[in-house]
Protein backbone atom coordinates (compact mmCIF):
# COMPACT_ATOMS: atom_id res chain seq x y z
CA MET A 1 32.71 123.87 86.97
CA GLN A 2 35.99 125.69 87.10
CA ARG A 3 38.07 125.16 90.42
CA SER A 4 38.28 128.49 92.34
CA ARG A 5 42.95 129.31 92.05
CA GLN A 6 44.68 130.97 94.03
CA ALA A 7 48.12 132.28 94.76
CA ILE A 8 49.38 133.03 98.21
CA ASN A 9 51.80 134.46 99.32
CA VAL A 10 53.33 135.46 103.16
CA ALA A 11 55.32 138.21 104.10
CA VAL A 12 56.46 137.25 107.43
CA VAL A 13 58.62 141.12 109.11
CA LEU A 14 62.08 140.36 111.64
CA MET A 15 62.23 142.01 114.60
CA GLY A 16 64.92 140.99 117.31
CA LEU A 17 66.20 137.82 118.48
CA GLN A 18 64.04 134.65 116.89
CA ASP A 19 62.56 131.95 118.33
CA THR A 20 64.73 129.07 116.69
CA THR A 21 63.96 125.87 116.09
CA VAL A 22 66.03 122.84 113.65
CA ALA A 23 65.19 119.60 113.69
CA ALA A 24 65.82 116.65 110.82
CA HIS A 25 62.46 114.46 110.63
CA ARG A 26 62.54 110.89 109.55
CA PRO A 27 66.72 110.55 108.05
CA GLY A 28 68.34 108.23 105.81
CA THR A 29 64.80 107.03 104.28
CA GLU A 30 62.50 108.69 101.09
CA GLY A 31 60.12 110.11 103.84
CA ALA A 32 63.46 113.10 104.87
CA ALA A 33 63.59 116.25 106.01
CA VAL A 34 64.82 119.00 107.72
CA SER A 35 62.55 121.50 109.21
CA VAL A 36 63.39 124.94 110.95
CA ARG A 37 60.52 126.63 112.50
CA ILE A 38 61.10 131.00 113.02
CA GLY A 39 58.77 132.42 115.52
CA SER A 40 55.31 131.64 113.85
CA ALA A 41 56.63 130.53 110.55
CA LEU A 42 58.11 126.98 109.91
CA LEU A 43 58.95 124.71 106.89
CA TYR A 44 59.98 121.83 105.51
CA VAL A 45 62.78 120.92 103.26
CA ALA A 46 63.31 118.07 101.60
CA ASP A 47 65.91 117.84 100.50
CA ALA A 48 69.76 118.94 100.70
CA GLU A 49 69.93 121.10 97.57
CA THR A 50 66.85 122.68 99.16
CA ALA A 51 68.53 123.13 102.26
CA SER A 52 71.71 124.49 99.92
CA ARG A 53 69.86 126.55 98.38
CA PHE A 54 67.52 128.72 100.73
CA THR A 55 71.15 128.88 103.00
CA GLY A 56 73.00 130.56 100.14
CA ALA A 57 69.85 133.37 99.35
CA TRP A 58 70.34 133.98 103.66
CA ARG A 59 74.03 134.05 103.34
CA SER A 60 74.03 136.45 99.96
CA VAL A 61 73.34 139.31 102.13
CA ALA A 62 74.95 138.41 105.37
CA THR A 63 78.38 140.96 104.80
CA ALA A 64 75.24 144.03 103.74
CA ALA A 65 72.85 143.60 106.62
CA GLU A 66 76.04 143.60 108.62
CA ARG A 67 77.36 146.78 107.48
CA HIS A 68 73.52 148.78 106.93
CA LEU A 69 70.79 146.58 109.26
CA PRO A 70 69.26 148.78 112.15
CA ARG A 71 70.31 147.50 116.07
CA GLN A 72 66.62 147.42 115.98
CA GLY A 73 63.29 147.25 114.29
CA ASN A 74 60.64 149.79 114.82
CA PRO A 75 58.71 147.87 117.43
CA ALA A 76 55.10 149.32 116.20
CA ARG A 77 55.56 146.65 113.03
CA ALA A 78 55.84 144.34 115.07
CA THR A 79 52.38 145.54 117.46
CA PRO A 80 49.61 143.08 117.96
CA MET A 81 46.81 143.74 115.84
CA PRO A 82 43.30 143.83 117.68
CA GLY A 83 40.84 141.92 117.24
CA VAL A 84 43.27 139.24 115.18
CA ALA A 85 45.47 136.48 116.15
CA GLU A 86 48.23 136.03 115.44
CA PRO A 87 48.51 134.14 112.06
CA SER A 88 51.00 131.18 110.95
CA VAL A 89 52.49 129.63 107.49
CA MET A 90 53.43 126.37 107.31
CA VAL A 91 55.78 125.54 103.91
CA ASP A 92 56.26 122.55 101.93
CA ALA A 93 60.26 123.16 99.90
CA ALA A 94 61.74 120.95 97.44
CA GLY A 95 63.52 120.13 93.63
CA SER A 96 64.36 123.37 94.74
CA PRO A 97 62.53 126.80 94.01
CA PRO A 98 63.29 130.11 93.67
CA ALA A 99 64.85 131.71 96.24
CA PHE A 100 67.18 134.80 96.49
CA ALA A 101 67.83 138.36 98.95
CA ARG A 102 68.17 141.60 98.77
CA LEU A 103 69.28 144.55 101.24
CA GLU A 104 66.50 147.43 100.75
CA ARG A 105 67.83 151.27 101.58
CA PRO A 106 65.60 153.50 100.91
CA ALA A 107 66.51 157.67 101.27
CA GLY A 108 65.05 158.69 104.70
CA GLN A 109 63.87 155.38 106.36
CA ALA A 110 65.87 152.48 108.31
CA SER A 111 67.69 149.15 106.20
CA HIS A 112 66.19 145.83 105.63
CA ALA A 113 66.67 143.19 103.97
CA ARG A 114 64.03 141.02 102.21
CA VAL A 115 65.21 137.51 101.77
CA VAL A 116 63.31 134.83 99.03
CA LEU A 117 62.13 131.94 99.79
CA GLY A 118 59.48 129.78 97.21
CA ARG A 119 56.38 131.57 97.99
CA ILE A 120 57.51 132.61 101.17
CA MET A 121 59.11 136.82 101.98
CA PHE A 122 60.69 137.45 105.39
CA ASP A 123 61.55 140.89 105.58
CA VAL A 124 64.83 141.49 108.00
CA ARG A 125 64.60 144.98 110.23
CA ASP A 126 67.13 144.31 112.19
CA LEU A 127 70.85 143.57 112.47
CA ALA A 128 69.64 141.16 115.83
CA ALA A 129 65.97 139.28 113.88
CA PHE A 130 68.93 138.65 110.21
CA ARG A 131 72.04 137.19 112.50
CA THR A 132 69.89 134.57 114.75
CA THR A 133 67.37 134.01 111.28
CA ALA A 134 70.66 133.41 109.58
CA LEU A 135 72.46 131.06 111.92
CA ALA A 136 69.02 129.16 111.77
CA PHE A 137 69.56 128.33 108.24
CA GLU A 138 72.83 127.37 108.52
CA ARG A 139 72.59 124.37 111.13
CA VAL A 140 68.94 123.44 108.34
CA GLU A 141 71.78 123.16 106.46
CA GLU A 142 74.60 121.47 107.88
CA LEU A 143 71.17 118.38 109.66
CA SER A 144 70.01 118.18 105.52
CA ALA A 145 74.18 115.82 105.17
CA SER A 146 73.31 113.25 107.27
CA THR A 147 69.61 113.80 107.09
CA PHE A 148 68.74 112.47 103.28
CA LEU A 149 70.17 110.00 101.61
CA PRO A 150 72.84 110.63 98.51
CA ARG A 151 71.65 110.69 95.00
CA PRO A 152 72.84 107.70 92.86
CA VAL A 153 76.02 108.70 90.27
CA GLN A 154 74.77 109.45 86.94
CA PRO A 155 77.05 108.35 84.54
CA ALA A 156 78.42 109.59 83.02
CA ALA A 157 77.74 111.13 79.07
CA LYS A 158 80.87 108.34 77.42
CA GLN A 159 79.09 105.31 79.26
CA ARG A 160 75.12 106.15 78.46
CA ALA A 161 76.16 106.84 74.64
CA ALA A 162 78.09 103.84 75.40
CA ARG A 163 75.00 102.46 77.18
CA THR A 164 73.03 102.73 74.54
CA ALA A 165 74.61 101.89 71.30
CA GLY A 166 74.82 98.20 72.85
CA ARG A 167 71.55 98.18 72.66
CA PHE A 168 71.36 98.46 69.16
CA PHE A 169 74.33 97.06 68.22
CA VAL A 170 73.67 93.11 69.91
CA ALA A 171 74.30 90.50 68.04
CA PRO A 172 72.09 88.21 66.50
CA ALA A 173 71.37 84.48 68.47
CA THR A 174 71.90 81.69 65.81
CA ASP A 175 69.10 79.51 65.57
CA SER A 176 70.59 75.70 66.70
CA ARG A 177 68.42 74.83 64.19
CA ARG A 178 69.99 76.36 61.32
CA GLN A 179 73.51 75.03 63.09
CA ARG A 180 72.44 71.53 62.50
CA ARG A 181 71.75 72.38 59.24
CA ALA A 182 74.76 73.93 58.35
CA ALA A 183 76.47 70.54 59.99
CA THR A 184 74.76 68.76 58.32
CA ARG A 185 75.72 70.23 54.78
CA SER A 186 79.54 70.24 55.52
CA GLY A 187 79.14 66.59 57.52
CA PRO A 188 80.24 65.29 52.99
CA ALA A 189 83.46 68.07 52.30
CA ALA A 190 84.26 67.30 55.85
CA ALA A 191 84.81 63.27 55.61
CA PRO A 192 87.68 63.29 52.30
CA ALA A 193 89.78 65.84 54.02
CA ALA A 194 89.46 64.12 57.19
CA ALA A 195 90.16 61.15 55.14
CA GLN A 196 93.46 62.43 53.88
CA ALA A 197 94.44 64.00 56.80
CA SER A 198 94.67 60.03 58.52
CA LYS A 199 96.50 58.69 54.45
CA ALA A 200 98.99 61.80 55.51
CA ILE A 201 99.98 60.68 58.62
CA GLU A 202 100.00 56.77 58.13
CA SER A 203 102.08 57.45 55.09
CA GLY A 204 104.82 59.07 57.62
CA ARG A 205 105.61 57.03 60.14
């Protein structure tokens, strides 16, 4: 039986000052993570590269956001929906997933920023929302420097090539029995030479 598959993309609309929390978990271990909570959206970042990529997305649109986002968004976009509890979302992120941002300026409407981090999109409707959330991600990158284990240094290309060549061109070990046989064969020939050297020394006295 074929299993059903899903791809869930989440849109989080941000308006006004955001309630954010950033924390490090199990720093200096293989299971280290940095979490960032923006309201009811919670992201766990599992490596420094992902933290830098996510923070970079917010930075890339910061200048445009400061210039064009309204001071206050339309509160109707955040009005609770009757009969449905406010949803929450949790995302684990690792391995530098796609992350980008752009400022939308539709004709006749207020500008807004869209920041996409993997499968979650933050639809930022005013300057206060952008500033508080971007500041939280700056803290994520700051904490990642002391939370994650340093990556092992990769050897340079020449060093890797030398190591590979060394494995292929190792001098073969000489069999000890073969050495003994060679010494035995060279013994009789070496003896007269030694005797001649001895006589030469004695005659020189």
